[in-house]
């Protein structure tokens, strides 16, 4: 699995995800395999996460380092983005004391990700069981939510504003569905 991961990363120049090779990535891949994820989907996922870290990196680098204390990933899922962002912050930016927390409501994924973080000796990285609404994000410097479903994107934005986060970056999961609906409504409106 490590050779396949390395091949994917080399082929698509996914340099920001190198840390996943050092993690027990097998656990993440096995979790994906249980959901019948094929190699193409894995490649798409890695490219997406790599691009998201690239976008976040350009925004984070504009924030004074002394003001960055914690990052919260709302709806962390299997933690791909959380692990990659932790690696970027600690190994690329040298922010070794920044705390990164993944908030996820599925206890099995929280246990999986905490186990990988523990086994990989990743300091200041943890996953907590809970919902966006109930998580206390007070003091979060950065709040992110990738593919937060339903109203979770709105909840994450509100949580970030309430916490006084310097940076809030969200990407709703259903943007493609919403776009199709908007385009259909637009076409119907202009057809009349």
C-alpha atoms as a PDB file:
ATOM      1  CA  UNK A   1       0.000   0.000   0.000  1.00  0.00           C
ATOM      2  CA  UNK A   2       2.905   2.377   0.676  1.00  0.00           C
ATOM      3  CA  UNK A   3       4.321   1.827  -2.833  1.00  0.00           C
ATOM      4  CA  UNK A   4       0.903   2.498  -4.362  1.00  0.00           C
ATOM      5  CA  UNK A   5       0.484   5.625  -2.256  1.00  0.00           C
ATOM      6  CA  UNK A   6       3.984   6.806  -3.247  1.00  0.00           C
ATOM      7  CA  UNK A   7       3.198   6.123  -6.933  1.00  0.00           C
ATOM      8  CA  UNK A   8      -0.013   8.169  -6.732  1.00  0.00           C
ATOM      9  CA  UNK A   9       1.734  11.022  -4.973  1.00  0.00           C
ATOM     10  CA  UNK A  10       4.671  11.070  -7.383  1.00  0.00           C
ATOM     11  CA  UNK A  11       2.412  10.859 -10.438  1.00  0.00           C
ATOM     12  CA  UNK A  12       0.303  13.814  -9.346  1.00  0.00           C
ATOM     13  CA  UNK A  13       3.082  15.721  -7.535  1.00  0.00           C
ATOM     14  CA  UNK A  14       1.202  15.634  -4.248  1.00  0.00           C
ATOM     15  CA  UNK A  15       4.121  16.859  -2.176  1.00  0.00           C
ATOM     16  CA  UNK A  16       2.004  18.182   0.691  1.00  0.00           C
ATOM     17  CA  UNK A  17       0.671  14.702   1.415  1.00  0.00           C
ATOM     18  CA  UNK A  18       4.047  13.036   1.936  1.00  0.00           C
ATOM     19  CA  UNK A  19       3.230  12.645   5.638  1.00  0.00           C
ATOM     20  CA  UNK A  20       0.579  10.060   4.824  1.00  0.00           C
ATOM     21  CA  UNK A  21       3.334   7.690   3.739  1.00  0.00           C
ATOM     22  CA  UNK A  22       4.803   7.913   7.228  1.00  0.00           C
ATOM     23  CA  UNK A  23       1.445   7.374   8.905  1.00  0.00           C
ATOM     24  CA  UNK A  24      -0.122   3.998   9.215  1.00  0.00           C
ATOM     25  CA  UNK A  25      -1.988   4.824   6.022  1.00  0.00           C
ATOM     26  CA  UNK A  26      -3.072   1.204   5.729  1.00  0.00           C
ATOM     27  CA  UNK A  27      -5.797   1.868   8.310  1.00  0.00           C
ATOM     28  CA  UNK A  28      -7.149   4.749   6.240  1.00  0.00           C
ATOM     29  CA  UNK A  29      -7.034   2.694   3.038  1.00  0.00           C
ATOM     30  CA  UNK A  30      -8.727  -0.260   4.736  1.00  0.00           C
ATOM     31  CA  UNK A  31     -11.474   2.064   5.928  1.00  0.00           C
ATOM     32  CA  UNK A  32     -11.916   3.246   2.339  1.00  0.00           C
ATOM     33  CA  UNK A  33     -11.790  -0.314   0.978  1.00  0.00           C
ATOM     34  CA  UNK A  34     -14.663  -1.238   3.251  1.00  0.00           C
ATOM     35  CA  UNK A  35     -16.716   1.301   1.343  1.00  0.00           C
ATOM     36  CA  UNK A  36     -15.597  -0.109  -2.038  1.00  0.00           C
ATOM     37  CA  UNK A  37     -13.433   2.869  -2.884  1.00  0.00           C
ATOM     38  CA  UNK A  38     -11.421   2.154  -6.008  1.00  0.00           C
ATOM     39  CA  UNK A  39      -8.006   3.506  -6.953  1.00  0.00           C
ATOM     40  CA  UNK A  40      -9.431   6.288  -9.134  1.00  0.00           C
ATOM     41  CA  UNK A  41     -11.462   7.612  -6.210  1.00  0.00           C
ATOM     42  CA  UNK A  42      -8.362   7.424  -3.994  1.00  0.00           C
ATOM     43  CA  UNK A  43      -6.384   9.428  -6.540  1.00  0.00           C
ATOM     44  CA  UNK A  44      -9.166  12.006  -6.747  1.00  0.00           C
ATOM     45  CA  UNK A  45      -9.319  12.240  -2.958  1.00  0.00           C
ATOM     46  CA  UNK A  46      -5.555  12.804  -2.655  1.00  0.00           C
ATOM     47  CA  UNK A  47      -5.553  15.457  -5.381  1.00  0.00           C
ATOM     48  CA  UNK A  48      -8.475  17.202  -3.687  1.00  0.00           C
ATOM     49  CA  UNK A  49      -6.837  17.182  -0.254  1.00  0.00           C
ATOM     50  CA  UNK A  50      -3.510  18.326  -1.694  1.00  0.00           C
ATOM     51  CA  UNK A  51      -5.212  21.253  -3.442  1.00  0.00           C
ATOM     52  CA  UNK A  52      -7.123  22.159  -0.293  1.00  0.00           C
ATOM     53  CA  UNK A  53      -3.882  22.213   1.750  1.00  0.00           C
ATOM     54  CA  UNK A  54      -2.284  24.358  -0.964  1.00  0.00           C
ATOM     55  CA  UNK A  55      -5.162  26.844  -0.759  1.00  0.00           C
ATOM     56  CA  UNK A  56      -5.111  26.824   3.037  1.00  0.00           C
ATOM     57  CA  UNK A  57      -1.342  27.243   3.057  1.00  0.00           C
ATOM     58  CA  UNK A  58      -1.464  30.457   1.062  1.00  0.00           C
ATOM     59  CA  UNK A  59      -4.082  31.838   3.477  1.00  0.00           C
ATOM     60  CA  UNK A  60      -2.390  30.626   6.664  1.00  0.00           C
ATOM     61  CA  UNK A  61       0.956  32.130   5.680  1.00  0.00           C
ATOM     62  CA  UNK A  62      -0.683  35.596   5.772  1.00  0.00           C
ATOM     63  CA  UNK A  63      -1.625  35.182   9.453  1.00  0.00           C
ATOM     64  CA  UNK A  64       1.071  36.230  11.956  1.00  0.00           C
ATOM     65  CA  UNK A  65       2.604  33.008  13.338  1.00  0.00           C
ATOM     66  CA  UNK A  66       2.353  34.200  16.928  1.00  0.00           C
ATOM     67  CA  UNK A  67      -1.434  34.331  16.648  1.00  0.00           C
ATOM     68  CA  UNK A  68      -1.882  30.730  15.480  1.00  0.00           C
ATOM     69  CA  UNK A  69      -2.709  28.460  18.397  1.00  0.00           C
ATOM     70  CA  UNK A  70      -5.281  25.949  17.238  1.00  0.00           C
ATOM     71  CA  UNK A  71      -6.966  24.572  14.147  1.00  0.00           C
ATOM     72  CA  UNK A  72     -10.325  22.827  14.228  1.00  0.00           C
ATOM     73  CA  UNK A  73     -11.505  20.621  11.359  1.00  0.00           C
ATOM     74  CA  UNK A  74     -15.279  20.303  11.644  1.00  0.00           C
ATOM     75  CA  UNK A  75     -16.657  17.044  10.285  1.00  0.00           C
ATOM     76  CA  UNK A  76     -13.180  15.534   9.971  1.00  0.00           C
ATOM     77  CA  UNK A  77     -14.344  12.121   8.752  1.00  0.00           C
ATOM     78  CA  UNK A  78     -11.345   9.836   8.244  1.00  0.00           C
ATOM     79  CA  UNK A  79      -9.026  12.749   8.844  1.00  0.00           C
ATOM     80  CA  UNK A  80      -7.278  12.960   5.481  1.00  0.00           C
ATOM     81  CA  UNK A  81      -7.336  16.755   5.541  1.00  0.00           C
ATOM     82  CA  UNK A  82      -6.671  16.911   9.288  1.00  0.00           C
ATOM     83  CA  UNK A  83      -3.545  14.749   9.022  1.00  0.00           C
ATOM     84  CA  UNK A  84      -2.294  16.574   5.920  1.00  0.00           C
ATOM     85  CA  UNK A  85      -2.863  20.007   7.451  1.00  0.00           C
ATOM     86  CA  UNK A  86      -1.161  18.960  10.706  1.00  0.00           C
ATOM     87  CA  UNK A  87       1.839  17.833   8.671  1.00  0.00           C
ATOM     88  CA  UNK A  88       1.894  21.088   6.699  1.00  0.00           C
ATOM     89  CA  UNK A  89       1.688  23.229   9.839  1.00  0.00           C
ATOM     90  CA  UNK A  90       4.344  21.323  11.765  1.00  0.00           C
ATOM     91  CA  UNK A  91       6.780  20.241   9.055  1.00  0.00           C
ATOM     92  CA  UNK A  92       6.448  22.996   6.448  1.00  0.00           C
ATOM     93  CA  UNK A  93       5.656  26.037   8.587  1.00  0.00           C
ATOM     94  CA  UNK A  94       7.435  24.817  11.721  1.00  0.00           C
ATOM     95  CA  UNK A  95       4.434  25.434  13.973  1.00  0.00           C
ATOM     96  CA  UNK A  96       5.187  22.533  16.314  1.00  0.00           C
ATOM     97  CA  UNK A  97       3.027  23.798  19.182  1.00  0.00           C
ATOM     98  CA  UNK A  98      -0.156  24.439  17.244  1.00  0.00           C
ATOM     99  CA  UNK A  99      -2.994  22.158  18.280  1.00  0.00           C
ATOM    100  CA  UNK A 100      -4.997  20.499  15.506  1.00  0.00           C
ATOM    101  CA  UNK A 101      -8.355  18.945  16.364  1.00  0.00           C
ATOM    102  CA  UNK A 102     -10.657  16.949  14.130  1.00  0.00           C
ATOM    103  CA  UNK A 103     -14.283  16.967  15.243  1.00  0.00           C
ATOM    104  CA  UNK A 104     -16.275  13.961  14.043  1.00  0.00           C
ATOM    105  CA  UNK A 105     -19.616  12.566  15.165  1.00  0.00           C
ATOM    106  CA  UNK A 106     -18.849   8.931  14.264  1.00  0.00           C
ATOM    107  CA  UNK A 107     -17.008   7.330  17.207  1.00  0.00           C
ATOM    108  CA  UNK A 108     -15.473   4.569  15.078  1.00  0.00           C
ATOM    109  CA  UNK A 109     -13.696   7.148  12.895  1.00  0.00           C
ATOM    110  CA  UNK A 110     -12.564   9.108  15.952  1.00  0.00           C
ATOM    111  CA  UNK A 111     -11.006   5.932  17.394  1.00  0.00           C
ATOM    112  CA  UNK A 112      -9.410   5.057  14.036  1.00  0.00           C
ATOM    113  CA  UNK A 113      -7.849   8.493  13.565  1.00  0.00           C
ATOM    114  CA  UNK A 114      -6.690   8.820  17.183  1.00  0.00           C
ATOM    115  CA  UNK A 115      -5.078   5.402  16.899  1.00  0.00           C
ATOM    116  CA  UNK A 116      -3.195   6.426  13.751  1.00  0.00           C
ATOM    117  CA  UNK A 117      -2.114   9.724  15.328  1.00  0.00           C
ATOM    118  CA  UNK A 118      -0.952   7.933  18.487  1.00  0.00           C
ATOM    119  CA  UNK A 119       0.856   5.152  16.599  1.00  0.00           C
ATOM    120  CA  UNK A 120       2.561   7.775  14.425  1.00  0.00           C
ATOM    121  CA  UNK A 121       3.637   9.876  17.443  1.00  0.00           C
ATOM    122  CA  UNK A 122       1.925  12.994  16.124  1.00  0.00           C
ATOM    123  CA  UNK A 123       1.985  15.566  18.897  1.00  0.00           C
ATOM    124  CA  UNK A 124      -0.820  18.107  19.275  1.00  0.00           C
ATOM    125  CA  UNK A 125      -3.187  16.209  16.978  1.00  0.00           C
ATOM    126  CA  UNK A 126      -6.403  14.744  18.301  1.00  0.00           C
ATOM    127  CA  UNK A 127      -9.836  13.736  17.135  1.00  0.00           C
ATOM    128  CA  UNK A 128     -12.888  14.259  19.307  1.00  0.00           C
ATOM    129  CA  UNK A 129     -16.316  12.689  19.181  1.00  0.00           C
ATOM    130  CA  UNK A 130     -19.041  15.279  18.787  1.00  0.00           C
ATOM    131  CA  UNK A 131     -21.099  17.497  16.562  1.00  0.00           C
ATOM    132  CA  UNK A 132     -20.258  20.899  15.197  1.00  0.00           C
ATOM    133  CA  UNK A 133     -23.054  22.474  17.220  1.00  0.00           C
ATOM    134  CA  UNK A 134     -21.859  21.032  20.537  1.00  0.00           C
ATOM    135  CA  UNK A 135     -18.095  21.446  20.097  1.00  0.00           C
ATOM    136  CA  UNK A 136     -16.558  24.356  22.014  1.00  0.00           C
ATOM    137  CA  UNK A 137     -14.317  26.053  19.450  1.00  0.00           C
ATOM    138  CA  UNK A 138     -13.398  28.955  21.738  1.00  0.00           C
ATOM    139  CA  UNK A 139      -9.911  30.159  20.908  1.00  0.00           C
ATOM    140  CA  UNK A 140      -9.715  28.441  17.518  1.00  0.00           C
ATOM    141  CA  UNK A 141      -7.356  30.389  15.264  1.00  0.00           C
ATOM    142  CA  UNK A 142      -8.486  28.532  12.141  1.00  0.00           C
ATOM    143  CA  UNK A 143     -11.705  26.649  11.519  1.00  0.00           C
ATOM    144  CA  UNK A 144     -12.161  24.491   8.444  1.00  0.00           C
ATOM    145  CA  UNK A 145     -14.910  22.227   7.158  1.00  0.00           C
ATOM    146  CA  UNK A 146     -14.482  20.260   3.951  1.00  0.00           C
ATOM    147  CA  UNK A 147     -17.619  18.665   2.546  1.00  0.00           C
ATOM    148  CA  UNK A 148     -19.734  19.411   5.571  1.00  0.00           C
ATOM    149  CA  UNK A 149     -23.183  18.066   4.660  1.00  0.00           C
ATOM    150  CA  UNK A 150     -26.622  19.604   4.946  1.00  0.00           C
ATOM    151  CA  UNK A 151     -26.539  22.564   7.376  1.00  0.00           C
ATOM    152  CA  UNK A 152     -23.110  21.585   8.746  1.00  0.00           C
ATOM    153  CA  UNK A 153     -21.405  24.170   6.533  1.00  0.00           C
ATOM    154  CA  UNK A 154     -23.595  26.906   7.983  1.00  0.00           C
ATOM    155  CA  UNK A 155     -23.029  25.540  11.496  1.00  0.00           C
ATOM    156  CA  UNK A 156     -19.251  25.560  10.940  1.00  0.00           C
ATOM    157  CA  UNK A 157     -19.291  29.164   9.710  1.00  0.00           C
ATOM    158  CA  UNK A 158     -21.303  30.240  12.737  1.00  0.00           C
ATOM    159  CA  UNK A 159     -18.987  28.313  15.070  1.00  0.00           C
ATOM    160  CA  UNK A 160     -15.918  29.964  13.514  1.00  0.00           C
ATOM    161  CA  UNK A 161     -17.397  33.450  13.803  1.00  0.00           C
ATOM    162  CA  UNK A 162     -18.456  32.800  17.407  1.00  0.00           C
ATOM    163  CA  UNK A 163     -14.960  31.531  18.227  1.00  0.00           C
ATOM    164  CA  UNK A 164     -13.346  34.611  16.693  1.00  0.00           C
ATOM    165  CA  UNK A 165     -11.285  32.505  14.295  1.00  0.00           C
ATOM    166  CA  UNK A 166      -8.803  34.446  12.162  1.00  0.00           C
ATOM    167  CA  UNK A 167      -9.551  32.171   9.218  1.00  0.00           C
ATOM    168  CA  UNK A 168     -12.686  30.222   8.328  1.00  0.00           C
ATOM    169  CA  UNK A 169     -12.583  28.061   5.215  1.00  0.00           C
ATOM    170  CA  UNK A 170     -15.464  25.797   4.256  1.00  0.00           C
ATOM    171  CA  UNK A 171     -16.468  23.844   1.179  1.00  0.00           C
ATOM    172  CA  UNK A 172     -19.975  22.360   1.186  1.00  0.00           C
ATOM    173  CA  UNK A 173     -20.359  18.778   0.056  1.00  0.00           C
ATOM    174  CA  UNK A 174     -23.370  19.278  -2.121  1.00  0.00           C
ATOM    175  CA  UNK A 175     -22.179  22.178  -4.266  1.00  0.00           C
ATOM    176  CA  UNK A 176     -22.555  20.111  -7.450  1.00  0.00           C
ATOM    177  CA  UNK A 177     -26.137  19.212  -6.618  1.00  0.00           C
ATOM    178  CA  UNK A 178     -26.945  22.787  -5.684  1.00  0.00           C
ATOM    179  CA  UNK A 179     -25.359  24.065  -8.901  1.00  0.00           C
ATOM    180  CA  UNK A 180     -27.502  21.669 -10.981  1.00  0.00           C
ATOM    181  CA  UNK A 181     -30.627  22.854  -9.166  1.00  0.00           C
ATOM    182  CA  UNK A 182     -29.717  26.512  -9.642  1.00  0.00           C
ATOM    183  CA  UNK A 183     -28.963  25.962 -13.327  1.00  0.00           C
ATOM    184  CA  UNK A 184     -32.292  24.141 -13.791  1.00  0.00           C
ATOM    185  CA  UNK A 185     -34.163  26.965 -12.037  1.00  0.00           C
ATOM    186  CA  UNK A 186     -32.264  29.520 -14.109  1.00  0.00           C
ATOM    187  CA  UNK A 187     -33.112  27.707 -17.350  1.00  0.00           C
ATOM    188  CA  UNK A 188     -36.766  27.364 -16.346  1.00  0.00           C
ATOM    189  CA  UNK A 189     -36.956  31.044 -15.459  1.00  0.00           C
ATOM    190  CA  UNK A 190     -35.469  32.147 -18.766  1.00  0.00           C
ATOM    191  CA  UNK A 191     -37.625  29.710 -20.760  1.00  0.00           C
ATOM    192  CA  UNK A 192     -40.765  31.543 -19.705  1.00  0.00           C
END
